[in-house]
Amino acid sequence: MSSTYYIFIVLILIVAFLLMLVIMVQNPKGGGLSSTFGGGGNQQIGGVQKTTDFLDKSTWALGTILIVLILITNFTNLSASEQRSKVSDIETTTQPATTNDNTNTNSTDTTNGGDK
């Protein structure tokens, strides 16, 4: 496999880890990270709504990036296997054909007991 394949695998792992972190920070009931920073008050700069918007947008962005990286990795792997098959086809057509000339000339007929 090519080195670009492994680079994409590492990128997929990093994005998957970041996506997991962003999802774990969110609370399914609407609290999550935003409730940690004040919850009910609007005294903060940016407010609670901005935090949930950021987490929501980053979840969608990381999910999209993950899907795109997976597709690119699949196409990279397919193109590498096609190149390998083309190379193996060239190698098999350029090698000389070998014949099997292993005929046994010293065989005796043992079906009649060997003696006549």
C-alpha atoms as a PDB file:
ATOM      1  CA  MET A   1       0.000   0.000   0.000  1.00  0.00           C
ATOM      2  CA  SER A   2       1.158   3.511  -0.681  1.00  0.00           C
ATOM      3  CA  SER A   3       2.251   6.045   1.884  1.00  0.00           C
ATOM      4  CA  THR A   4      -0.680   8.330   1.045  1.00  0.00           C
ATOM      5  CA  TYR A   5      -3.020   5.565   2.179  1.00  0.00           C
ATOM      6  CA  TYR A   6      -1.388   5.530   5.610  1.00  0.00           C
ATOM      7  CA  ILE A   7      -1.468   9.326   5.804  1.00  0.00           C
ATOM      8  CA  PHE A   8      -5.208   9.288   5.178  1.00  0.00           C
ATOM      9  CA  ILE A   9      -5.681   6.564   7.808  1.00  0.00           C
ATOM     10  CA  VAL A  10      -3.895   8.730  10.394  1.00  0.00           C
ATOM     11  CA  LEU A  11      -6.025  11.738   9.406  1.00  0.00           C
ATOM     12  CA  ILE A  12      -9.184   9.639   9.752  1.00  0.00           C
ATOM     13  CA  LEU A  13      -8.138   8.576  13.245  1.00  0.00           C
ATOM     14  CA  ILE A  14      -7.433  12.168  14.290  1.00  0.00           C
ATOM     15  CA  VAL A  15     -10.755  13.464  12.928  1.00  0.00           C
ATOM     16  CA  ALA A  16     -12.641  10.559  14.530  1.00  0.00           C
ATOM     17  CA  PHE A  17     -11.039  11.331  17.895  1.00  0.00           C
ATOM     18  CA  LEU A  18     -11.901  15.038  17.600  1.00  0.00           C
ATOM     19  CA  LEU A  19     -15.459  14.176  16.601  1.00  0.00           C
ATOM     20  CA  MET A  20     -15.757  11.925  19.615  1.00  0.00           C
ATOM     21  CA  LEU A  21     -14.556  14.729  21.892  1.00  0.00           C
ATOM     22  CA  VAL A  22     -16.992  17.261  20.421  1.00  0.00           C
ATOM     23  CA  ILE A  23     -19.897  14.841  20.786  1.00  0.00           C
ATOM     24  CA  MET A  24     -18.952  13.960  24.359  1.00  0.00           C
ATOM     25  CA  VAL A  25     -18.865  17.651  25.331  1.00  0.00           C
ATOM     26  CA  GLN A  26     -22.435  18.120  24.163  1.00  0.00           C
ATOM     27  CA  ASN A  27     -25.325  17.270  26.444  1.00  0.00           C
ATOM     28  CA  PRO A  28     -28.314  15.600  24.777  1.00  0.00           C
ATOM     29  CA  LYS A  29     -30.706  17.731  26.873  1.00  0.00           C
ATOM     30  CA  GLY A  30     -29.160  20.998  25.747  1.00  0.00           C
ATOM     31  CA  GLY A  31     -26.794  21.560  28.673  1.00  0.00           C
ATOM     32  CA  GLY A  32     -23.345  20.189  27.959  1.00  0.00           C
ATOM     33  CA  LEU A  33     -20.513  22.656  27.695  1.00  0.00           C
ATOM     34  CA  SER A  34     -22.899  25.596  27.574  1.00  0.00           C
ATOM     35  CA  SER A  35     -24.320  24.794  31.016  1.00  0.00           C
ATOM     36  CA  THR A  36     -20.809  24.629  32.422  1.00  0.00           C
ATOM     37  CA  PHE A  37     -20.223  28.251  31.427  1.00  0.00           C
ATOM     38  CA  GLY A  38     -23.113  29.822  33.244  1.00  0.00           C
ATOM     39  CA  GLY A  39     -26.137  27.894  32.147  1.00  0.00           C
ATOM     40  CA  GLY A  40     -29.010  30.284  32.696  1.00  0.00           C
ATOM     41  CA  GLY A  41     -27.367  33.698  32.522  1.00  0.00           C
ATOM     42  CA  ASN A  42     -26.767  35.810  29.442  1.00  0.00           C
ATOM     43  CA  GLN A  43     -23.994  37.824  31.068  1.00  0.00           C
ATOM     44  CA  GLN A  44     -21.217  36.168  29.105  1.00  0.00           C
ATOM     45  CA  ILE A  45     -19.596  37.460  25.977  1.00  0.00           C
ATOM     46  CA  GLY A  46     -20.979  35.476  23.080  1.00  0.00           C
ATOM     47  CA  GLY A  47     -23.592  33.804  25.243  1.00  0.00           C
ATOM     48  CA  VAL A  48     -24.624  30.211  25.649  1.00  0.00           C
ATOM     49  CA  GLN A  49     -26.255  30.030  22.242  1.00  0.00           C
ATOM     50  CA  LYS A  50     -22.924  30.733  20.526  1.00  0.00           C
ATOM     51  CA  THR A  51     -21.308  27.786  22.319  1.00  0.00           C
ATOM     52  CA  THR A  52     -23.997  25.347  21.229  1.00  0.00           C
ATOM     53  CA  ASP A  53     -23.902  26.744  17.677  1.00  0.00           C
ATOM     54  CA  PHE A  54     -20.129  26.241  17.577  1.00  0.00           C
ATOM     55  CA  LEU A  55     -20.408  22.668  18.859  1.00  0.00           C
ATOM     56  CA  ASP A  56     -23.208  21.890  16.425  1.00  0.00           C
ATOM     57  CA  LYS A  57     -21.319  23.315  13.440  1.00  0.00           C
ATOM     58  CA  SER A  58     -18.072  21.614  14.439  1.00  0.00           C
ATOM     59  CA  THR A  59     -19.894  18.272  14.758  1.00  0.00           C
ATOM     60  CA  TRP A  60     -21.280  18.589  11.240  1.00  0.00           C
ATOM     61  CA  ALA A  61     -17.947  19.797   9.857  1.00  0.00           C
ATOM     62  CA  LEU A  62     -15.941  16.984  11.449  1.00  0.00           C
ATOM     63  CA  GLY A  63     -18.509  14.408  10.320  1.00  0.00           C
ATOM     64  CA  THR A  64     -18.330  15.700   6.754  1.00  0.00           C
ATOM     65  CA  ILE A  65     -14.531  15.738   6.816  1.00  0.00           C
ATOM     66  CA  LEU A  66     -14.524  12.175   8.140  1.00  0.00           C
ATOM     67  CA  ILE A  67     -16.758  10.926   5.325  1.00  0.00           C
ATOM     68  CA  VAL A  68     -14.684  12.735   2.678  1.00  0.00           C
ATOM     69  CA  LEU A  69     -11.438  11.303   4.077  1.00  0.00           C
ATOM     70  CA  ILE A  70     -12.897   7.803   4.071  1.00  0.00           C
ATOM     71  CA  LEU A  71     -13.951   8.155   0.431  1.00  0.00           C
ATOM     72  CA  ILE A  72     -10.569   9.553  -0.593  1.00  0.00           C
ATOM     73  CA  THR A  73      -8.822   6.698   1.231  1.00  0.00           C
ATOM     74  CA  ASN A  74     -10.993   4.181  -0.580  1.00  0.00           C
ATOM     75  CA  PHE A  75     -10.155   5.691  -3.977  1.00  0.00           C
ATOM     76  CA  THR A  76      -6.460   5.845  -3.064  1.00  0.00           C
ATOM     77  CA  ASN A  77      -6.533   2.172  -2.138  1.00  0.00           C
ATOM     78  CA  LEU A  78      -8.395   1.232  -5.329  1.00  0.00           C
ATOM     79  CA  SER A  79      -5.978   3.114  -7.576  1.00  0.00           C
ATOM     80  CA  ALA A  80      -3.002   1.513  -5.831  1.00  0.00           C
ATOM     81  CA  SER A  81      -4.439  -1.974  -6.311  1.00  0.00           C
ATOM     82  CA  GLU A  82      -5.166  -1.256  -9.991  1.00  0.00           C
ATOM     83  CA  GLN A  83      -1.575  -0.141 -10.520  1.00  0.00           C
ATOM     84  CA  ARG A  84      -0.354  -3.275  -8.789  1.00  0.00           C
ATOM     85  CA  SER A  85      -2.522  -5.476 -11.001  1.00  0.00           C
ATOM     86  CA  LYS A  86      -1.268  -3.677 -14.124  1.00  0.00           C
ATOM     87  CA  VAL A  87       2.322  -4.225 -13.014  1.00  0.00           C
ATOM     88  CA  SER A  88       1.684  -7.906 -12.276  1.00  0.00           C
ATOM     89  CA  ASP A  89       0.026  -8.321 -15.700  1.00  0.00           C
ATOM     90  CA  ILE A  90       3.091  -6.825 -17.369  1.00  0.00           C
ATOM     91  CA  GLU A  91       5.410  -9.101 -15.385  1.00  0.00           C
ATOM     92  CA  THR A  92       3.456 -12.243 -16.264  1.00  0.00           C
ATOM     93  CA  THR A  93       3.351 -11.416 -19.977  1.00  0.00           C
ATOM     94  CA  THR A  94       7.078 -10.614 -20.207  1.00  0.00           C
ATOM     95  CA  GLN A  95       8.283 -13.771 -18.458  1.00  0.00           C
ATOM     96  CA  PRO A  96       9.148 -16.605 -20.834  1.00  0.00           C
ATOM     97  CA  ALA A  97       6.842 -19.566 -20.760  1.00  0.00           C
ATOM     98  CA  THR A  98       8.403 -22.652 -19.231  1.00  0.00           C
ATOM     99  CA  THR A  99       7.544 -26.096 -20.470  1.00  0.00           C
ATOM    100  CA  ASN A 100       7.402 -29.131 -18.298  1.00  0.00           C
ATOM    101  CA  ASP A 101       9.850 -31.591 -19.921  1.00  0.00           C
ATOM    102  CA  ASN A 102      10.076 -33.920 -16.969  1.00  0.00           C
ATOM    103  CA  THR A 103       9.241 -37.099 -18.845  1.00  0.00           C
ATOM    104  CA  ASN A 104      10.443 -40.215 -17.138  1.00  0.00           C
ATOM    105  CA  THR A 105      12.351 -42.249 -19.761  1.00  0.00           C
ATOM    106  CA  ASN A 106      13.428 -44.957 -17.328  1.00  0.00           C
ATOM    107  CA  SER A 107       9.974 -46.170 -16.439  1.00  0.00           C
ATOM    108  CA  THR A 108       9.298 -49.876 -16.621  1.00  0.00           C
ATOM    109  CA  ASP A 109       6.045 -51.580 -17.178  1.00  0.00           C
ATOM    110  CA  THR A 110       5.175 -53.198 -13.879  1.00  0.00           C
ATOM    111  CA  THR A 111       1.615 -54.148 -14.686  1.00  0.00           C
ATOM    112  CA  ASN A 112       2.626 -57.621 -15.877  1.00  0.00           C
ATOM    113  CA  GLY A 113       5.031 -58.281 -13.058  1.00  0.00           C
ATOM    114  CA  GLY A 114       8.019 -56.808 -14.869  1.00  0.00           C
ATOM    115  CA  ASP A 115       9.105 -60.187 -16.431  1.00  0.00           C
ATOM    116  CA  LYS A 116       8.018 -61.717 -19.696  1.00  0.00           C
END
